[in-house]
Amino acid sequence: MLSVQELRRLATGLDSGAFEKQLGPFVLVQRPPDAVVQQRALQLGAARTMAVKPNHKTDTLQLLLEFDTLQIATLPPLESLDVLTVGRLPDCELVIDDPSVSKHHARLFWLQEAQHAEVADLGSSNGTEVNGVLLTSGHVLKDGDEVCFGDARFCYLRTPSLHERLRSTVR
């Protein structure tokens, strides 16, 4: 994970194409977990910590307003069709250290020709959601979608959108 501040320095020195070559075609943006929520998650184990279903529209807006405090999940370089596993185990391409996330929770598919990513749940205990809707099959992600793996919430952004946002908020 990289901080927004670290990536802002990179974005100011690179054009959009070079920035995308460094990071790949998309990123997942996450608010660092709250210490109280982390402690409660450890106590509950694999159970979900969310007592109330979050309002994804309000939460996504708040996430983007708190942009400078966010972390960016970096992914390995992607080819024309790549499959990335999301889960708690170190053999996953995106490791999420959250007890509500299954060992092998979901898969992200990058389709170079179509220029989009898809997400599919792998039968996880706590499910995978996109914009508050529990997935029952694969789902094509759009720029700005909120993706939840258990309680771990991310905002899916295409790298050109991230680059533009980082450069427009240079201080």
C-alpha atoms as a PDB file:
ATOM      1  CA  MET A   1       0.000   0.000   0.000  1.00  0.00           C
ATOM      2  CA  LEU A   2       1.175   3.489  -0.833  1.00  0.00           C
ATOM      3  CA  SER A   3      -0.135   6.730   0.589  1.00  0.00           C
ATOM      4  CA  VAL A   4      -1.770   9.359  -1.584  1.00  0.00           C
ATOM      5  CA  GLN A   5       1.083  11.734  -0.707  1.00  0.00           C
ATOM      6  CA  GLU A   6       3.671   9.242  -2.029  1.00  0.00           C
ATOM      7  CA  LEU A   7       1.755   8.782  -5.265  1.00  0.00           C
ATOM      8  CA  ARG A   8       1.194  12.523  -5.683  1.00  0.00           C
ATOM      9  CA  ARG A   9       4.975  13.003  -5.906  1.00  0.00           C
ATOM     10  CA  LEU A  10       5.141  10.291  -8.560  1.00  0.00           C
ATOM     11  CA  ALA A  11       2.175  11.727 -10.505  1.00  0.00           C
ATOM     12  CA  THR A  12       3.650  15.228 -10.679  1.00  0.00           C
ATOM     13  CA  GLY A  13       6.800  13.884 -12.359  1.00  0.00           C
ATOM     14  CA  LEU A  14       5.113  11.598 -14.901  1.00  0.00           C
ATOM     15  CA  ASP A  15       2.611  12.011 -17.709  1.00  0.00           C
ATOM     16  CA  SER A  16      -0.537   9.867 -17.595  1.00  0.00           C
ATOM     17  CA  GLY A  17       0.876   7.087 -19.807  1.00  0.00           C
ATOM     18  CA  ALA A  18       4.077   6.697 -17.778  1.00  0.00           C
ATOM     19  CA  PHE A  19       2.081   6.827 -14.528  1.00  0.00           C
ATOM     20  CA  GLU A  20      -0.201   4.035 -15.784  1.00  0.00           C
ATOM     21  CA  LYS A  21       2.836   2.011 -16.860  1.00  0.00           C
ATOM     22  CA  GLN A  22       4.170   2.270 -13.283  1.00  0.00           C
ATOM     23  CA  LEU A  23       0.900   1.411 -11.486  1.00  0.00           C
ATOM     24  CA  GLY A  24      -1.083  -0.628 -13.986  1.00  0.00           C
ATOM     25  CA  PRO A  25      -4.516   0.074 -15.474  1.00  0.00           C
ATOM     26  CA  PHE A  26      -6.405   0.433 -12.179  1.00  0.00           C
ATOM     27  CA  VAL A  27      -5.974   0.841  -8.435  1.00  0.00           C
ATOM     28  CA  LEU A  28      -8.022   0.176  -5.331  1.00  0.00           C
ATOM     29  CA  VAL A  29      -8.183   3.097  -2.899  1.00  0.00           C
ATOM     30  CA  GLN A  30      -8.817   2.416   0.787  1.00  0.00           C
ATOM     31  CA  ARG A  31      -9.286   4.421   3.942  1.00  0.00           C
ATOM     32  CA  PRO A  32      -6.920   3.044   6.610  1.00  0.00           C
ATOM     33  CA  PRO A  33      -8.997   0.947   9.055  1.00  0.00           C
ATOM     34  CA  ASP A  34     -10.156   2.628  12.247  1.00  0.00           C
ATOM     35  CA  ALA A  35      -8.295   1.286  15.333  1.00  0.00           C
ATOM     36  CA  VAL A  36     -11.557   0.545  17.196  1.00  0.00           C
ATOM     37  CA  VAL A  37     -12.982  -1.354  14.205  1.00  0.00           C
ATOM     38  CA  GLN A  38      -9.726  -3.317  13.862  1.00  0.00           C
ATOM     39  CA  GLN A  39      -9.838  -4.318  17.539  1.00  0.00           C
ATOM     40  CA  ARG A  40     -13.493  -5.372  17.259  1.00  0.00           C
ATOM     41  CA  ALA A  41     -12.710  -7.334  14.085  1.00  0.00           C
ATOM     42  CA  LEU A  42     -10.007  -9.273  15.900  1.00  0.00           C
ATOM     43  CA  GLN A  43     -12.454 -10.102  18.699  1.00  0.00           C
ATOM     44  CA  LEU A  44     -15.134 -11.283  16.257  1.00  0.00           C
ATOM     45  CA  GLY A  45     -12.788 -13.302  14.084  1.00  0.00           C
ATOM     46  CA  ALA A  46     -14.246 -14.053  10.663  1.00  0.00           C
ATOM     47  CA  ALA A  47     -17.664 -12.554  11.449  1.00  0.00           C
ATOM     48  CA  ARG A  48     -18.635  -9.244   9.902  1.00  0.00           C
ATOM     49  CA  THR A  49     -18.136  -6.172  12.078  1.00  0.00           C
ATOM     50  CA  MET A  50     -20.693  -4.035  10.296  1.00  0.00           C
ATOM     51  CA  ALA A  51     -23.784  -3.721  12.495  1.00  0.00           C
ATOM     52  CA  VAL A  52     -25.512  -1.462   9.965  1.00  0.00           C
ATOM     53  CA  LYS A  53     -25.204  -1.670   6.202  1.00  0.00           C
ATOM     54  CA  PRO A  54     -23.216   1.386   5.060  1.00  0.00           C
ATOM     55  CA  ASN A  55     -24.683   3.918   2.621  1.00  0.00           C
ATOM     56  CA  HIS A  56     -22.284   3.394  -0.287  1.00  0.00           C
ATOM     57  CA  LYS A  57     -23.121   6.708  -2.027  1.00  0.00           C
ATOM     58  CA  THR A  58     -22.399   8.790   1.089  1.00  0.00           C
ATOM     59  CA  ASP A  59     -19.375   6.672   2.021  1.00  0.00           C
ATOM     60  CA  THR A  60     -17.841   6.865  -1.472  1.00  0.00           C
ATOM     61  CA  LEU A  61     -18.279  10.658  -1.500  1.00  0.00           C
ATOM     62  CA  GLN A  62     -16.727  10.900   1.968  1.00  0.00           C
ATOM     63  CA  LEU A  63     -13.891   8.644   0.810  1.00  0.00           C
ATOM     64  CA  LEU A  64     -13.090  10.989  -2.073  1.00  0.00           C
ATOM     65  CA  LEU A  65     -13.324  14.066   0.186  1.00  0.00           C
ATOM     66  CA  GLU A  66     -10.780  12.484   2.546  1.00  0.00           C
ATOM     67  CA  PHE A  67      -8.515  11.710  -0.413  1.00  0.00           C
ATOM     68  CA  ASP A  68      -5.239  12.840   1.190  1.00  0.00           C
ATOM     69  CA  THR A  69      -5.597  10.354   4.076  1.00  0.00           C
ATOM     70  CA  LEU A  70      -6.175   7.321   1.856  1.00  0.00           C
ATOM     71  CA  GLN A  71      -3.972   4.430   0.867  1.00  0.00           C
ATOM     72  CA  ILE A  72      -3.622   2.930  -2.604  1.00  0.00           C
ATOM     73  CA  ALA A  73      -3.392  -0.834  -3.039  1.00  0.00           C
ATOM     74  CA  THR A  74      -0.723  -1.510  -5.621  1.00  0.00           C
ATOM     75  CA  LEU A  75      -1.096  -4.565  -7.816  1.00  0.00           C
ATOM     76  CA  PRO A  76       1.413  -6.542  -9.881  1.00  0.00           C
ATOM     77  CA  PRO A  77       1.852  -5.615 -13.565  1.00  0.00           C
ATOM     78  CA  LEU A  78      -1.062  -6.809 -15.696  1.00  0.00           C
ATOM     79  CA  GLU A  79      -1.005  -8.333 -19.165  1.00  0.00           C
ATOM     80  CA  SER A  80      -3.820  -8.662 -21.722  1.00  0.00           C
ATOM     81  CA  LEU A  81      -5.907 -11.001 -19.517  1.00  0.00           C
ATOM     82  CA  ASP A  82      -4.840 -11.360 -15.937  1.00  0.00           C
ATOM     83  CA  VAL A  83      -6.490 -12.826 -12.895  1.00  0.00           C
ATOM     84  CA  LEU A  84      -5.638 -11.492  -9.433  1.00  0.00           C
ATOM     85  CA  THR A  85      -6.703 -13.262  -6.258  1.00  0.00           C
ATOM     86  CA  VAL A  86      -7.891 -11.160  -3.303  1.00  0.00           C
ATOM     87  CA  GLY A  87      -7.736 -12.575   0.221  1.00  0.00           C
ATOM     88  CA  ARG A  88      -5.930 -12.860   3.554  1.00  0.00           C
ATOM     89  CA  LEU A  89      -3.256 -15.384   2.553  1.00  0.00           C
ATOM     90  CA  PRO A  90       0.177 -14.226   1.367  1.00  0.00           C
ATOM     91  CA  ASP A  91      -0.208 -16.148  -1.924  1.00  0.00           C
ATOM     92  CA  CYS A  92      -2.910 -13.649  -3.012  1.00  0.00           C
ATOM     93  CA  GLU A  93      -1.930 -10.776  -5.309  1.00  0.00           C
ATOM     94  CA  LEU A  94      -3.941  -8.385  -3.116  1.00  0.00           C
ATOM     95  CA  VAL A  95      -3.533  -9.324   0.544  1.00  0.00           C
ATOM     96  CA  ILE A  96      -6.107  -7.754   2.867  1.00  0.00           C
ATOM     97  CA  ASP A  97      -5.307  -8.139   6.563  1.00  0.00           C
ATOM     98  CA  ASP A  98      -8.883  -8.156   7.846  1.00  0.00           C
ATOM     99  CA  PRO A  99     -10.528 -11.122   9.589  1.00  0.00           C
ATOM    100  CA  SER A 100     -13.799 -10.576   7.670  1.00  0.00           C
ATOM    101  CA  VAL A 101     -11.894 -11.313   4.440  1.00  0.00           C
ATOM    102  CA  SER A 102     -11.641 -15.002   3.505  1.00  0.00           C
ATOM    103  CA  LYS A 103      -8.321 -16.688   2.791  1.00  0.00           C
ATOM    104  CA  HIS A 104      -9.143 -16.628  -0.931  1.00  0.00           C
ATOM    105  CA  HIS A 105     -12.037 -14.167  -1.061  1.00  0.00           C
ATOM    106  CA  ALA A 106     -12.480 -12.937  -4.641  1.00  0.00           C
ATOM    107  CA  ARG A 107     -10.865 -12.623  -8.038  1.00  0.00           C
ATOM    108  CA  LEU A 108     -10.214  -9.524 -10.104  1.00  0.00           C
ATOM    109  CA  PHE A 109      -9.963 -10.022 -13.862  1.00  0.00           C
ATOM    110  CA  TRP A 110      -8.299  -7.425 -16.092  1.00  0.00           C
ATOM    111  CA  LEU A 111      -9.434  -7.573 -19.724  1.00  0.00           C
ATOM    112  CA  GLN A 112      -6.989  -5.454 -21.732  1.00  0.00           C
ATOM    113  CA  GLU A 113      -8.945  -5.516 -24.989  1.00  0.00           C
ATOM    114  CA  ALA A 114     -12.159  -4.322 -23.297  1.00  0.00           C
ATOM    115  CA  GLN A 115     -10.188  -1.973 -20.990  1.00  0.00           C
ATOM    116  CA  HIS A 116     -12.107  -2.962 -17.869  1.00  0.00           C
ATOM    117  CA  ALA A 117     -11.846  -5.057 -14.728  1.00  0.00           C
ATOM    118  CA  GLU A 118     -14.338  -7.586 -13.426  1.00  0.00           C
ATOM    119  CA  VAL A 119     -14.720  -8.886  -9.884  1.00  0.00           C
ATOM    120  CA  ALA A 120     -16.124 -12.247  -8.785  1.00  0.00           C
ATOM    121  CA  ASP A 121     -16.603 -13.676  -5.312  1.00  0.00           C
ATOM    122  CA  LEU A 122     -15.020 -17.068  -4.577  1.00  0.00           C
ATOM    123  CA  GLY A 123     -17.709 -18.287  -2.187  1.00  0.00           C
ATOM    124  CA  SER A 124     -16.341 -16.187   0.658  1.00  0.00           C
ATOM    125  CA  SER A 125     -17.935 -16.231   4.115  1.00  0.00           C
ATOM    126  CA  ASN A 126     -18.830 -12.528   4.143  1.00  0.00           C
ATOM    127  CA  GLY A 127     -19.331 -11.882   0.442  1.00  0.00           C
ATOM    128  CA  THR A 128     -18.163  -9.321  -2.071  1.00  0.00           C
ATOM    129  CA  GLU A 129     -20.259  -6.229  -2.771  1.00  0.00           C
ATOM    130  CA  VAL A 130     -20.169  -3.571  -5.471  1.00  0.00           C
ATOM    131  CA  ASN A 131     -21.949  -0.319  -4.604  1.00  0.00           C
ATOM    132  CA  GLY A 132     -23.791  -2.050  -1.770  1.00  0.00           C
ATOM    133  CA  VAL A 133     -25.066  -4.982  -3.862  1.00  0.00           C
ATOM    134  CA  LEU A 134     -23.921  -8.489  -2.903  1.00  0.00           C
ATOM    135  CA  LEU A 135     -22.429 -10.263  -5.910  1.00  0.00           C
ATOM    136  CA  THR A 136     -23.895 -13.551  -7.059  1.00  0.00           C
ATOM    137  CA  SER A 137     -21.882 -13.596 -10.300  1.00  0.00           C
ATOM    138  CA  GLY A 138     -19.088 -11.636 -11.947  1.00  0.00           C
ATOM    139  CA  HIS A 139     -19.474  -7.863 -12.193  1.00  0.00           C
ATOM    140  CA  VAL A 140     -17.805  -5.336 -14.534  1.00  0.00           C
ATOM    141  CA  LEU A 141     -16.318  -2.494 -12.483  1.00  0.00           C
ATOM    142  CA  LYS A 142     -16.724   1.158 -13.428  1.00  0.00           C
ATOM    143  CA  ASP A 143     -14.527   4.072 -12.404  1.00  0.00           C
ATOM    144  CA  GLY A 144     -15.545   5.154  -8.892  1.00  0.00           C
ATOM    145  CA  ASP A 145     -17.322   1.925  -7.868  1.00  0.00           C
ATOM    146  CA  GLU A 146     -17.137   0.954  -4.203  1.00  0.00           C
ATOM    147  CA  VAL A 147     -15.954  -2.646  -3.819  1.00  0.00           C
ATOM    148  CA  CYS A 148     -16.225  -4.405  -0.445  1.00  0.00           C
ATOM    149  CA  PHE A 149     -14.458  -7.644   0.391  1.00  0.00           C
ATOM    150  CA  GLY A 150     -16.129  -8.512   3.710  1.00  0.00           C
ATOM    151  CA  ASP A 151     -15.740  -5.305   5.754  1.00  0.00           C
ATOM    152  CA  ALA A 152     -12.732  -4.035   3.751  1.00  0.00           C
ATOM    153  CA  ARG A 153     -13.986  -1.184   1.548  1.00  0.00           C
ATOM    154  CA  PHE A 154     -12.200   0.103  -1.545  1.00  0.00           C
ATOM    155  CA  CYS A 155     -12.895   2.578  -4.311  1.00  0.00           C
ATOM    156  CA  TYR A 156     -12.013   1.240  -7.771  1.00  0.00           C
ATOM    157  CA  LEU A 157     -10.308   3.883  -9.911  1.00  0.00           C
ATOM    158  CA  ARG A 158      -8.781   3.655 -13.354  1.00  0.00           C
ATOM    159  CA  THR A 159      -5.210   4.911 -13.205  1.00  0.00           C
ATOM    160  CA  PRO A 160      -5.802   7.882 -15.571  1.00  0.00           C
ATOM    161  CA  SER A 161      -8.542   9.112 -13.177  1.00  0.00           C
ATOM    162  CA  LEU A 162      -6.196   8.757 -10.203  1.00  0.00           C
ATOM    163  CA  HIS A 163      -3.426  10.572 -12.091  1.00  0.00           C
ATOM    164  CA  GLU A 164      -5.752  13.453 -12.966  1.00  0.00           C
ATOM    165  CA  ARG A 165      -6.985  13.718  -9.377  1.00  0.00           C
ATOM    166  CA  LEU A 166      -3.453  13.657  -7.939  1.00  0.00           C
ATOM    167  CA  ARG A 167      -2.227  16.343 -10.336  1.00  0.00           C
ATOM    168  CA  SER A 168      -5.278  18.554  -9.805  1.00  0.00           C
ATOM    169  CA  THR A 169      -4.761  18.595  -6.029  1.00  0.00           C
ATOM    170  CA  VAL A 170      -1.017  19.394  -6.056  1.00  0.00           C
ATOM    171  CA  ARG A 171      -0.177  21.808  -3.278  1.00  0.00           C
END
